[in-house]
Every structure is written in structure tokens, then in C-alpha cells.
Amino acid sequence: MDGSVQRKPGPGGIGGILRDHEGKTLLEFSKSVGRVDSNEAEFRAIREALLICSASSWALSYPVILESDSSNACG
């Protein structure tokens, strides 16, 4: 997952790819998140991915591993 902002703060978007244990794509998502800074966009991307996982039956079958390029969000 990732978050992106045009200006800081500014219009932002989030997106991500959820894969299974073999790397096969299960789901992709993207959406606008309004006016945010870069950290807020990253946090919203992580939150959205976790919400999708918690609502999916296949998410109970495998451990969830989050990958992000944001050291602020994951560090």
C-alpha cells in the first residue's frame, strides 16, 4: 500500500495490492482521500488495507504482512 500527496498538504490518494502467500494478486484498491499531508496518506492506506483484510474470509487463512515505503508509518 502507499499514499501520495500532490502538495504538502494537498489532494491525496491511497492504493494497495493484497496478495496471497504465493504472491498472487487477490485485490487491488485505490481512492482519493481529500486534503492530507504525506504521513496521513500513508496511515490511511494502511488503515484501508487492514479494513479490507478484516472483512475478507481469506484473510483468516494467512498471516497479514504489511509493506510500506514510509518509515514514519511502519518504523
PDB file of N, CA and C in Angstrom:
ATOM      1  N   MET A   1       0.825  -1.147   0.000  1.00  0.00           N
ATOM      2  CA  MET A   1       0.000   0.000   0.000  1.00  0.00           C
ATOM      3  C   MET A   1       0.877   1.219   0.000  1.00  0.00           C
ATOM      4  N   ASP A   2       0.273   2.347  -0.420  1.00  0.00           N
ATOM      5  CA  ASP A   2       1.036   3.581  -0.498  1.00  0.00           C
ATOM      6  C   ASP A   2       0.067   4.746  -0.462  1.00  0.00           C
ATOM      7  N   GLY A   3       0.560   5.867  -0.014  1.00  0.00           N
ATOM      8  CA  GLY A   3      -0.190   7.110  -0.040  1.00  0.00           C
ATOM      9  C   GLY A   3       0.622   8.152  -0.775  1.00  0.00           C
ATOM     10  N   SER A   4      -0.064   9.058  -1.446  1.00  0.00           N
ATOM     11  CA  SER A   4       0.624  10.084  -2.219  1.00  0.00           C
ATOM     12  C   SER A   4      -0.136  11.400  -2.104  1.00  0.00           C
ATOM     13  N   VAL A   5       0.619  12.506  -2.112  1.00  0.00           N
ATOM     14  CA  VAL A   5       0.034  13.837  -1.992  1.00  0.00           C
ATOM     15  C   VAL A   5       0.670  14.730  -3.047  1.00  0.00           C
ATOM     16  N   GLN A   6      -0.151  15.577  -3.712  1.00  0.00           N
ATOM     17  CA  GLN A   6       0.391  16.491  -4.727  1.00  0.00           C
ATOM     18  C   GLN A   6       1.244  17.581  -4.103  1.00  0.00           C
ATOM     19  N   ARG A   7       0.737  18.225  -3.069  1.00  0.00           N
ATOM     20  CA  ARG A   7       1.468  19.251  -2.323  1.00  0.00           C
ATOM     21  C   ARG A   7       1.308  18.921  -0.850  1.00  0.00           C
ATOM     22  N   LYS A   8       2.100  19.556  -0.016  1.00  0.00           N
ATOM     23  CA  LYS A   8       2.036  19.219   1.410  1.00  0.00           C
ATOM     24  C   LYS A   8       1.458  20.382   2.198  1.00  0.00           C
ATOM     25  N   PRO A   9       0.261  20.315   2.745  1.00  0.00           N
ATOM     26  CA  PRO A   9      -0.767  19.311   2.465  1.00  0.00           C
ATOM     27  C   PRO A   9      -1.455  19.620   1.146  1.00  0.00           C
ATOM     28  N   GLY A  10      -2.143  18.644   0.631  1.00  0.00           N
ATOM     29  CA  GLY A  10      -2.838  18.817  -0.630  1.00  0.00           C
ATOM     30  C   GLY A  10      -3.684  17.609  -0.951  1.00  0.00           C
ATOM     31  N   PRO A  11      -4.236  17.579  -2.160  1.00  0.00           N
ATOM     32  CA  PRO A  11      -5.066  16.450  -2.565  1.00  0.00           C
ATOM     33  C   PRO A  11      -4.257  15.154  -2.527  1.00  0.00           C
ATOM     34  N   GLY A  12      -4.812  14.144  -1.889  1.00  0.00           N
ATOM     35  CA  GLY A  12      -4.077  12.887  -1.733  1.00  0.00           C
ATOM     36  C   GLY A  12      -4.856  11.688  -2.221  1.00  0.00           C
ATOM     37  N   GLY A  13      -4.131  10.612  -2.407  1.00  0.00           N
ATOM     38  CA  GLY A  13      -4.738   9.352  -2.807  1.00  0.00           C
ATOM     39  C   GLY A  13      -4.008   8.200  -2.154  1.00  0.00           C
ATOM     40  N   ILE A  14      -4.695   7.073  -2.069  1.00  0.00           N
ATOM     41  CA  ILE A  14      -4.099   5.873  -1.497  1.00  0.00           C
ATOM     42  C   ILE A  14      -4.351   4.699  -2.429  1.00  0.00           C
ATOM     43  N   GLY A  15      -3.550   3.670  -2.277  1.00  0.00           N
ATOM     44  CA  GLY A  15      -3.755   2.474  -3.067  1.00  0.00           C
ATOM     45  C   GLY A  15      -2.943   1.330  -2.511  1.00  0.00           C
ATOM     46  N   GLY A  16      -3.272   0.148  -2.953  1.00  0.00           N
ATOM     47  CA  GLY A  16      -2.528  -1.010  -2.496  1.00  0.00           C
ATOM     48  C   GLY A  16      -2.903  -2.260  -3.253  1.00  0.00           C
ATOM     49  N   ILE A  17      -2.090  -3.266  -3.080  1.00  0.00           N
ATOM     50  CA  ILE A  17      -2.312  -4.582  -3.677  1.00  0.00           C
ATOM     51  C   ILE A  17      -2.243  -5.599  -2.554  1.00  0.00           C
ATOM     52  N   LEU A  18      -3.258  -6.436  -2.442  1.00  0.00           N
ATOM     53  CA  LEU A  18      -3.263  -7.510  -1.455  1.00  0.00           C
ATOM     54  C   LEU A  18      -2.973  -8.806  -2.190  1.00  0.00           C
ATOM     55  N   ARG A  19      -1.991  -9.550  -1.694  1.00  0.00           N
ATOM     56  CA  ARG A  19      -1.550 -10.786  -2.339  1.00  0.00           C
ATOM     57  C   ARG A  19      -1.644 -11.950  -1.364  1.00  0.00           C
ATOM     58  N   ASP A  20      -1.732 -13.153  -1.905  1.00  0.00           N
ATOM     59  CA  ASP A  20      -1.734 -14.340  -1.051  1.00  0.00           C
ATOM     60  C   ASP A  20      -0.299 -14.787  -0.771  1.00  0.00           C
ATOM     61  N   HIS A  21      -0.150 -15.905  -0.096  1.00  0.00           N
ATOM     62  CA  HIS A  21       1.171 -16.397   0.312  1.00  0.00           C
ATOM     63  C   HIS A  21       2.053 -16.796  -0.867  1.00  0.00           C
ATOM     64  N   GLU A  22       1.472 -16.949  -2.055  1.00  0.00           N
ATOM     65  CA  GLU A  22       2.243 -17.279  -3.256  1.00  0.00           C
ATOM     66  C   GLU A  22       2.522 -16.048  -4.113  1.00  0.00           C
ATOM     67  N   GLY A  23       2.084 -14.883  -3.662  1.00  0.00           N
ATOM     68  CA  GLY A  23       2.295 -13.655  -4.409  1.00  0.00           C
ATOM     69  C   GLY A  23       1.215 -13.352  -5.427  1.00  0.00           C
ATOM     70  N   LYS A  24       0.181 -14.175  -5.487  1.00  0.00           N
ATOM     71  CA  LYS A  24      -0.914 -13.957  -6.432  1.00  0.00           C
ATOM     72  C   LYS A  24      -1.784 -12.792  -5.942  1.00  0.00           C
ATOM     73  N   THR A  25      -2.109 -11.881  -6.854  1.00  0.00           N
ATOM     74  CA  THR A  25      -2.934 -10.734  -6.501  1.00  0.00           C
ATOM     75  C   THR A  25      -4.352 -11.181  -6.181  1.00  0.00           C
ATOM     76  N   LEU A  26      -4.823 -10.792  -4.991  1.00  0.00           N
ATOM     77  CA  LEU A  26      -6.188 -11.085  -4.580  1.00  0.00           C
ATOM     78  C   LEU A  26      -7.098  -9.886  -4.790  1.00  0.00           C
ATOM     79  N   LEU A  27      -6.550  -8.695  -4.584  1.00  0.00           N
ATOM     80  CA  LEU A  27      -7.375  -7.500  -4.641  1.00  0.00           C
ATOM     81  C   LEU A  27      -6.481  -6.277  -4.802  1.00  0.00           C
ATOM     82  N   GLU A  28      -6.966  -5.302  -5.533  1.00  0.00           N
ATOM     83  CA  GLU A  28      -6.287  -4.013  -5.658  1.00  0.00           C
ATOM     84  C   GLU A  28      -7.265  -2.932  -5.226  1.00  0.00           C
ATOM     85  N   PHE A  29      -6.757  -1.868  -4.623  1.00  0.00           N
ATOM     86  CA  PHE A  29      -7.634  -0.767  -4.244  1.00  0.00           C
ATOM     87  C   PHE A  29      -6.936   0.563  -4.472  1.00  0.00           C
ATOM     88  N   SER A  30      -7.734   1.584  -4.721  1.00  0.00           N
ATOM     89  CA  SER A  30      -7.229   2.959  -4.796  1.00  0.00           C
ATOM     90  C   SER A  30      -8.407   3.896  -4.582  1.00  0.00           C
ATOM     91  N   LYS A  31      -8.129   5.029  -3.969  1.00  0.00           N
ATOM     92  CA  LYS A  31      -9.178   6.026  -3.798  1.00  0.00           C
ATOM     93  C   LYS A  31      -8.576   7.355  -3.370  1.00  0.00           C
ATOM     94  N   SER A  32      -9.340   8.406  -3.596  1.00  0.00           N
ATOM     95  CA  SER A  32      -8.964   9.745  -3.168  1.00  0.00           C
ATOM     96  C   SER A  32      -9.256   9.877  -1.677  1.00  0.00           C
ATOM     97  N   VAL A  33      -8.404  10.619  -0.969  1.00  0.00           N
ATOM     98  CA  VAL A  33      -8.620  10.811   0.468  1.00  0.00           C
ATOM     99  C   VAL A  33      -8.718  12.290   0.847  1.00  0.00           C
ATOM    100  N   GLY A  34      -8.880  13.164  -0.134  1.00  0.00           N
ATOM    101  CA  GLY A  34      -9.035  14.584   0.166  1.00  0.00           C
ATOM    102  C   GLY A  34      -7.712  15.256   0.499  1.00  0.00           C
ATOM    103  N   ARG A  35      -7.803  16.360   1.203  1.00  0.00           N
ATOM    104  CA  ARG A  35      -6.621  17.176   1.536  1.00  0.00           C
ATOM    105  C   ARG A  35      -5.935  16.598   2.770  1.00  0.00           C
ATOM    106  N   VAL A  36      -4.726  16.091   2.585  1.00  0.00           N
ATOM    107  CA  VAL A  36      -3.951  15.467   3.666  1.00  0.00           C
ATOM    108  C   VAL A  36      -2.467  15.763   3.462  1.00  0.00           C
ATOM    109  N   ASP A  37      -1.662  15.475   4.483  1.00  0.00           N
ATOM    110  CA  ASP A  37      -0.214  15.511   4.278  1.00  0.00           C
ATOM    111  C   ASP A  37       0.263  14.091   3.962  1.00  0.00           C
ATOM    112  N   SER A  38       1.538  13.937   3.667  1.00  0.00           N
ATOM    113  CA  SER A  38       2.046  12.637   3.214  1.00  0.00           C
ATOM    114  C   SER A  38       1.927  11.559   4.290  1.00  0.00           C
ATOM    115  N   ASN A  39       2.151  11.901   5.551  1.00  0.00           N
ATOM    116  CA  ASN A  39       2.019  10.904   6.616  1.00  0.00           C
ATOM    117  C   ASN A  39       0.580  10.424   6.757  1.00  0.00           C
ATOM    118  N   GLU A  40      -0.366  11.361   6.714  1.00  0.00           N
ATOM    119  CA  GLU A  40      -1.781  10.981   6.818  1.00  0.00           C
ATOM    120  C   GLU A  40      -2.179  10.067   5.659  1.00  0.00           C
ATOM    121  N   ALA A  41      -1.692  10.350   4.463  1.00  0.00           N
ATOM    122  CA  ALA A  41      -1.998   9.491   3.317  1.00  0.00           C
ATOM    123  C   ALA A  41      -1.456   8.079   3.536  1.00  0.00           C
ATOM    124  N   GLU A  42      -0.243   7.962   4.049  1.00  0.00           N
ATOM    125  CA  GLU A  42       0.335   6.639   4.325  1.00  0.00           C
ATOM    126  C   GLU A  42      -0.479   5.892   5.378  1.00  0.00           C
ATOM    127  N   PHE A  43      -0.842   6.584   6.465  1.00  0.00           N
ATOM    128  CA  PHE A  43      -1.630   5.945   7.524  1.00  0.00           C
ATOM    129  C   PHE A  43      -2.997   5.502   7.013  1.00  0.00           C
ATOM    130  N   ARG A  44      -3.607   6.312   6.167  1.00  0.00           N
ATOM    131  CA  ARG A  44      -4.917   5.938   5.618  1.00  0.00           C
ATOM    132  C   ARG A  44      -4.812   4.729   4.691  1.00  0.00           C
ATOM    133  N   ALA A  45      -3.723   4.627   3.953  1.00  0.00           N
ATOM    134  CA  ALA A  45      -3.527   3.458   3.084  1.00  0.00           C
ATOM    135  C   ALA A  45      -3.411   2.191   3.923  1.00  0.00           C
ATOM    136  N   ILE A  46      -2.661   2.256   5.010  1.00  0.00           N
ATOM    137  CA  ILE A  46      -2.519   1.099   5.897  1.00  0.00           C
ATOM    138  C   ILE A  46      -3.864   0.747   6.520  1.00  0.00           C
ATOM    139  N   ARG A  47      -4.587   1.754   6.989  1.00  0.00           N
ATOM    140  CA  ARG A  47      -5.901   1.509   7.599  1.00  0.00           C
ATOM    141  C   ARG A  47      -6.852   0.846   6.602  1.00  0.00           C
ATOM    142  N   GLU A  48      -6.883   1.345   5.387  1.00  0.00           N
ATOM    143  CA  GLU A  48      -7.771   0.779   4.362  1.00  0.00           C
ATOM    144  C   GLU A  48      -7.425  -0.686   4.094  1.00  0.00           C
ATOM    145  N   ALA A  49      -6.138  -0.992   3.990  1.00  0.00           N
ATOM    146  CA  ALA A  49      -5.723  -2.381   3.759  1.00  0.00           C
ATOM    147  C   ALA A  49      -6.153  -3.279   4.913  1.00  0.00           C
ATOM    148  N   LEU A  50      -6.001  -2.806   6.144  1.00  0.00           N
ATOM    149  CA  LEU A  50      -6.405  -3.602   7.308  1.00  0.00           C
ATOM    150  C   LEU A  50      -7.919  -3.784   7.371  1.00  0.00           C
ATOM    151  N   LEU A  51      -8.677  -2.752   6.998  1.00  0.00           N
ATOM    152  CA  LEU A  51     -10.135  -2.883   6.959  1.00  0.00           C
ATOM    153  C   LEU A  51     -10.565  -3.912   5.922  1.00  0.00           C
ATOM    154  N   ILE A  52      -9.930  -3.886   4.761  1.00  0.00           N
ATOM    155  CA  ILE A  52     -10.247  -4.868   3.720  1.00  0.00           C
ATOM    156  C   ILE A  52      -9.921  -6.269   4.211  1.00  0.00           C
ATOM    157  N   CYS A  53      -8.761  -6.434   4.826  1.00  0.00           N
ATOM    158  CA  CYS A  53      -8.369  -7.751   5.350  1.00  0.00           C
ATOM    159  C   CYS A  53      -9.344  -8.248   6.403  1.00  0.00           C
ATOM    160  N   SER A  54      -9.757  -7.371   7.302  1.00  0.00           N
ATOM    161  CA  SER A  54     -10.642  -7.803   8.386  1.00  0.00           C
ATOM    162  C   SER A  54     -12.025  -8.195   7.883  1.00  0.00           C
ATOM    163  N   ALA A  55     -12.416  -7.689   6.713  1.00  0.00           N
ATOM    164  CA  ALA A  55     -13.720  -8.016   6.146  1.00  0.00           C
ATOM    165  C   ALA A  55     -13.671  -9.199   5.180  1.00  0.00           C
ATOM    166  N   SER A  56     -12.490  -9.774   4.956  1.00  0.00           N
ATOM    167  CA  SER A  56     -12.325 -10.835   3.961  1.00  0.00           C
ATOM    168  C   SER A  56     -12.134 -12.187   4.624  1.00  0.00           C
ATOM    169  N   SER A  57     -12.822 -13.186   4.125  1.00  0.00           N
ATOM    170  CA  SER A  57     -12.699 -14.533   4.697  1.00  0.00           C
ATOM    171  C   SER A  57     -11.312 -15.118   4.453  1.00  0.00           C
ATOM    172  N   TRP A  58     -10.685 -14.821   3.327  1.00  0.00           N
ATOM    173  CA  TRP A  58      -9.363 -15.382   3.044  1.00  0.00           C
ATOM    174  C   TRP A  58      -8.284 -14.820   3.956  1.00  0.00           C
ATOM    175  N   ALA A  59      -8.529 -13.657   4.553  1.00  0.00           N
ATOM    176  CA  ALA A  59      -7.525 -13.060   5.440  1.00  0.00           C
ATOM    177  C   ALA A  59      -7.339 -13.867   6.716  1.00  0.00           C
ATOM    178  N   LEU A  60      -8.313 -14.678   7.085  1.00  0.00           N
ATOM    179  CA  LEU A  60      -8.197 -15.516   8.280  1.00  0.00           C
ATOM    180  C   LEU A  60      -7.315 -16.732   8.038  1.00  0.00           C
ATOM    181  N   SER A  61      -7.045 -17.051   6.783  1.00  0.00           N
ATOM    182  CA  SER A  61      -6.275 -18.247   6.438  1.00  0.00           C
ATOM    183  C   SER A  61      -4.768 -18.027   6.447  1.00  0.00           C
ATOM    184  N   TYR A  62      -4.328 -16.788   6.360  1.00  0.00           N
ATOM    185  CA  TYR A  62      -2.904 -16.492   6.237  1.00  0.00           C
ATOM    186  C   TYR A  62      -2.527 -15.341   7.166  1.00  0.00           C
ATOM    187  N   PRO A  63      -1.261 -15.263   7.579  1.00  0.00           N
ATOM    188  CA  PRO A  63      -0.834 -14.099   8.359  1.00  0.00           C
ATOM    189  C   PRO A  63      -0.837 -12.850   7.478  1.00  0.00           C
ATOM    190  N   VAL A  64      -1.081 -11.716   8.076  1.00  0.00           N
ATOM    191  CA  VAL A  64      -1.082 -10.449   7.348  1.00  0.00           C
ATOM    192  C   VAL A  64       0.299  -9.810   7.488  1.00  0.00           C
ATOM    193  N   ILE A  65       0.906  -9.470   6.359  1.00  0.00           N
ATOM    194  CA  ILE A  65       2.201  -8.795   6.335  1.00  0.00           C
ATOM    195  C   ILE A  65       2.002  -7.466   5.613  1.00  0.00           C
ATOM    196  N   LEU A  66       2.309  -6.376   6.288  1.00  0.00           N
ATOM    197  CA  LEU A  66       2.184  -5.054   5.684  1.00  0.00           C
ATOM    198  C   LEU A  66       3.539  -4.598   5.179  1.00  0.00           C
ATOM    199  N   GLU A  67       3.564  -4.049   3.968  1.00  0.00           N
ATOM    200  CA  GLU A  67       4.788  -3.478   3.416  1.00  0.00           C
ATOM    201  C   GLU A  67       4.497  -2.047   2.999  1.00  0.00           C
ATOM    202  N   SER A  68       5.361  -1.140   3.404  1.00  0.00           N
ATOM    203  CA  SER A  68       5.198   0.272   3.085  1.00  0.00           C
ATOM    204  C   SER A  68       6.578   0.897   2.924  1.00  0.00           C
ATOM    205  N   ASP A  69       6.657   1.952   2.118  1.00  0.00           N
ATOM    206  CA  ASP A  69       7.924   2.665   1.963  1.00  0.00           C
ATOM    207  C   ASP A  69       8.053   3.811   2.970  1.00  0.00           C
ATOM    208  N   SER A  70       7.117   3.915   3.888  1.00  0.00           N
ATOM    209  CA  SER A  70       7.116   5.006   4.860  1.00  0.00           C
ATOM    210  C   SER A  70       7.702   4.567   6.196  1.00  0.00           C
ATOM    211  N   SER A  71       8.852   5.120   6.545  1.00  0.00           N
ATOM    212  CA  SER A  71       9.442   4.792   7.850  1.00  0.00           C
ATOM    213  C   SER A  71       8.633   5.424   8.984  1.00  0.00           C
ATOM    214  N   ASN A  72       7.935   6.518   8.718  1.00  0.00           N
ATOM    215  CA  ASN A  72       7.076   7.119   9.743  1.00  0.00           C
ATOM    216  C   ASN A  72       5.882   6.234  10.062  1.00  0.00           C
ATOM    217  N   ALA A  73       5.324   5.592   9.058  1.00  0.00           N
ATOM    218  CA  ALA A  73       4.143   4.761   9.268  1.00  0.00           C
ATOM    219  C   ALA A  73       4.484   3.391   9.838  1.00  0.00           C
ATOM    220  N   CYS A  74       5.627   2.854   9.476  1.00  0.00           N
ATOM    221  CA  CYS A  74       5.975   1.484   9.893  1.00  0.00           C
ATOM    222  C   CYS A  74       7.146   1.423  10.858  1.00  0.00           C
ATOM    223  N   GLY A  75       7.815   2.513  11.107  1.00  0.00           N
ATOM    224  CA  GLY A  75       9.030   2.493  11.908  1.00  0.00           C
ATOM    225  C   GLY A  75       8.839   2.758  13.331  1.00  0.00           C
TER     226      GLY A  75
END
